[in-house]
Amino acid sequence: MQFLNKNENTNLKKEDILLFKHKVQVRVRTWEVDWQGIVHNSYYLRYMEIGRLEYRRAFGYNLSPDGTFTDGLKVFVVHNSVDYHNVAKLDDVLDVFTRVSWIKNSSFCFEHVIVNHKENIILSTGKGILVNVDFVSNRPVPFPETFVDEIKQYEIECNIMRE
């Protein structure tokens, strides 16, 4: 897969995308487009969240009404960052690539690349750091080994930094 980068604002190389095994597609809807005729910047965070949820669903876990996943994990987003490289427009189909790049004791990092499916143009790159918390106290707790093992087995490259 070769990507075009119209404005060269990303350091992402085409071989880097090979690290992303998970992909979900979304289509730009009317309410996501602002008065300039492009997707409003806040929606890229929503696309990243869709990627994160579908990543977990790919492992067979669903989100319960109480905010936990069916494997018992409850995670909070503590940081998001997005870099914008190109624009998306109404009815574009976007590929949202998602991977876990590192895991610590109670936190981990999702990385994302959003690409225009038809034009193979990188639209944005981003990261989300999430923390695993206790269901009752909402305080950070270490991940169970099953979570870490699943990610290690799935990801091509993931830095495990546990004590």
Protein backbone atom coordinates (compact mmCIF):
# COMPACT_ATOMS: atom_id res chain seq x y z
CA MET A 1 0.00 0.00 0.00
CA GLN A 2 1.43 3.35 -0.97
CA PHE A 3 0.28 6.58 0.62
CA LEU A 4 0.27 10.02 -0.83
CA ASN A 5 1.10 12.87 1.46
CA LYS A 6 0.10 16.11 -0.16
CA ASN A 7 1.69 18.42 2.37
CA GLU A 8 4.51 16.30 3.85
CA ASN A 9 3.45 17.20 7.40
CA THR A 10 3.93 13.69 8.72
CA ASN A 11 6.98 11.62 9.51
CA LEU A 12 4.99 8.44 8.89
CA LYS A 13 6.65 6.19 6.35
CA LYS A 14 4.64 3.77 4.26
CA GLU A 15 6.31 0.81 5.98
CA ASP A 16 5.09 2.17 9.34
CA ILE A 17 1.48 1.47 8.35
CA LEU A 18 2.36 -2.22 8.20
CA LEU A 19 2.56 -2.16 12.00
CA PHE A 20 -1.19 -1.48 12.08
CA LYS A 21 -3.04 -4.78 11.81
CA HIS A 22 -6.43 -3.39 12.84
CA LYS A 23 -8.54 -1.26 10.51
CA VAL A 24 -12.14 -0.08 10.58
CA GLN A 25 -13.89 2.05 7.98
CA VAL A 26 -16.13 5.03 8.62
CA ARG A 27 -17.95 7.25 6.16
CA VAL A 28 -18.08 11.02 6.67
CA ARG A 29 -21.64 12.07 7.47
CA THR A 30 -23.34 15.42 6.88
CA TRP A 31 -23.23 16.60 10.50
CA GLU A 32 -19.46 16.01 10.70
CA VAL A 33 -18.74 18.62 8.03
CA ASP A 34 -18.37 22.26 9.09
CA TRP A 35 -19.09 25.50 7.26
CA GLN A 36 -15.77 25.20 5.40
CA GLY A 37 -16.95 22.00 3.73
CA ILE A 38 -14.47 19.76 5.58
CA VAL A 39 -14.69 17.42 8.56
CA HIS A 40 -14.52 19.44 11.78
CA ASN A 41 -11.33 18.69 13.70
CA SER A 42 -13.17 17.29 16.75
CA TYR A 43 -14.54 14.37 14.74
CA TYR A 44 -11.09 12.88 14.27
CA LEU A 45 -11.11 12.11 18.01
CA ARG A 46 -14.43 10.33 17.50
CA TYR A 47 -13.00 8.31 14.62
CA MET A 48 -10.07 7.34 16.86
CA GLU A 49 -12.52 6.26 19.58
CA ILE A 50 -14.39 4.12 17.05
CA GLY A 51 -11.05 2.53 16.17
CA ARG A 52 -10.29 1.83 19.83
CA LEU A 53 -13.69 0.26 20.53
CA GLU A 54 -13.58 -1.88 17.40
CA TYR A 55 -10.04 -2.96 18.26
CA ARG A 56 -11.30 -4.32 21.59
CA ARG A 57 -14.33 -5.90 19.90
CA ALA A 58 -11.95 -7.71 17.54
CA PHE A 59 -10.67 -9.54 20.64
CA GLY A 60 -14.25 -10.58 21.44
CA TYR A 61 -14.95 -7.97 24.14
CA ASN A 62 -17.95 -5.69 24.13
CA LEU A 63 -18.67 -2.58 26.11
CA SER A 64 -21.20 -3.13 28.89
CA PRO A 65 -23.77 -0.49 29.91
CA ASP A 66 -21.78 0.14 33.11
CA GLY A 67 -18.75 1.29 31.08
CA THR A 68 -16.67 -1.85 31.54
CA PHE A 69 -15.63 -4.29 28.87
CA THR A 70 -16.90 -7.85 29.11
CA ASP A 71 -13.41 -8.98 30.15
CA GLY A 72 -13.69 -6.77 33.25
CA LEU A 73 -11.45 -3.90 32.11
CA LYS A 74 -12.56 -0.36 32.82
CA VAL A 75 -10.36 2.22 31.15
CA PHE A 76 -10.30 6.00 31.11
CA VAL A 77 -8.77 8.18 28.42
CA VAL A 78 -6.21 10.45 30.09
CA HIS A 79 -4.59 11.94 27.00
CA ASN A 80 -5.41 12.41 23.32
CA SER A 81 -3.35 14.07 20.62
CA VAL A 82 -4.12 14.54 16.95
CA ASP A 83 -2.00 15.86 14.11
CA TYR A 84 -3.88 16.95 11.01
CA HIS A 85 -2.22 16.43 7.64
CA ASN A 86 -5.01 16.70 5.05
CA VAL A 87 -8.79 17.21 4.99
CA ALA A 88 -11.73 14.84 4.72
CA LYS A 89 -14.98 15.82 3.02
CA LEU A 90 -18.60 14.72 2.96
CA ASP A 91 -19.11 11.05 2.02
CA ASP A 92 -15.39 10.19 2.04
CA VAL A 93 -14.65 6.68 3.26
CA LEU A 94 -11.91 6.73 5.89
CA ASP A 95 -9.70 3.87 7.01
CA VAL A 96 -8.98 4.17 10.74
CA PHE A 97 -5.88 2.14 11.58
CA THR A 98 -5.33 1.35 15.27
CA ARG A 99 -2.58 -0.34 17.24
CA VAL A 100 -1.29 -0.59 20.81
CA SER A 101 2.29 0.71 20.80
CA TRP A 102 3.15 0.31 24.50
CA ILE A 103 1.83 -1.08 27.77
CA LYS A 104 2.90 -0.07 31.26
CA ASN A 105 1.57 -1.32 34.61
CA SER A 106 -1.83 0.36 34.39
CA SER A 107 -1.68 2.44 31.20
CA PHE A 108 -1.29 1.82 27.50
CA CYS A 109 -1.12 3.79 24.27
CA PHE A 110 -3.30 3.47 21.20
CA GLU A 111 -1.81 4.93 18.02
CA HIS A 112 -3.99 5.85 15.05
CA VAL A 113 -3.60 6.70 11.39
CA ILE A 114 -6.63 7.92 9.46
CA VAL A 115 -6.41 7.57 5.69
CA ASN A 116 -8.73 8.57 2.84
CA HIS A 117 -9.59 5.14 1.46
CA LYS A 118 -10.07 6.16 -2.17
CA GLU A 119 -7.10 8.51 -2.49
CA ASN A 120 -4.70 6.76 -0.05
CA ILE A 121 -3.93 10.10 1.57
CA ILE A 122 -2.98 10.30 5.24
CA LEU A 123 -5.44 12.66 6.87
CA SER A 124 -4.37 12.50 10.49
CA THR A 125 -2.25 10.67 13.02
CA GLY A 126 -2.92 10.49 16.71
CA LYS A 127 -2.45 8.85 20.06
CA GLY A 128 -4.64 8.06 23.01
CA ILE A 129 -3.33 7.04 26.41
CA LEU A 130 -5.73 5.03 28.52
CA VAL A 131 -5.54 3.93 32.16
CA ASN A 132 -7.03 0.77 33.61
CA VAL A 133 -9.00 1.61 36.76
CA ASP A 134 -10.70 -0.22 39.59
CA PHE A 135 -14.44 -0.59 38.96
CA VAL A 136 -15.43 0.92 42.33
CA SER A 137 -12.68 3.39 43.29
CA ASN A 138 -11.75 4.54 39.75
CA ARG A 139 -8.09 4.44 40.86
CA PRO A 140 -5.42 2.97 38.54
CA VAL A 141 -4.85 -0.77 38.84
CA PRO A 142 -2.42 -3.04 36.98
CA PHE A 143 -3.61 -4.86 33.89
CA PRO A 144 -4.26 -8.56 34.17
CA GLU A 145 -1.64 -10.71 32.43
CA THR A 146 -4.29 -11.97 29.99
CA PHE A 147 -4.68 -8.46 28.56
CA VAL A 148 -0.92 -8.01 28.15
CA ASP A 149 -0.51 -11.48 26.62
CA GLU A 150 -3.30 -10.91 24.08
CA ILE A 151 -1.78 -7.64 22.91
CA LYS A 152 1.74 -9.12 22.73
CA GLN A 153 0.46 -11.99 20.61
CA TYR A 154 -1.55 -9.74 18.30
CA GLU A 155 0.70 -6.73 17.71
CA ILE A 156 3.72 -6.86 15.44
CA GLU A 157 5.58 -4.47 17.71
CA CYS A 158 4.54 -3.41 21.21
CA ASN A 159 6.86 -2.13 23.94
CA ILE A 160 6.02 -3.76 27.29
CA MET A 161 7.28 -1.53 30.13
CA ARG A 162 5.93 -3.24 33.23
CA GLU A 163 7.68 -3.34 36.59
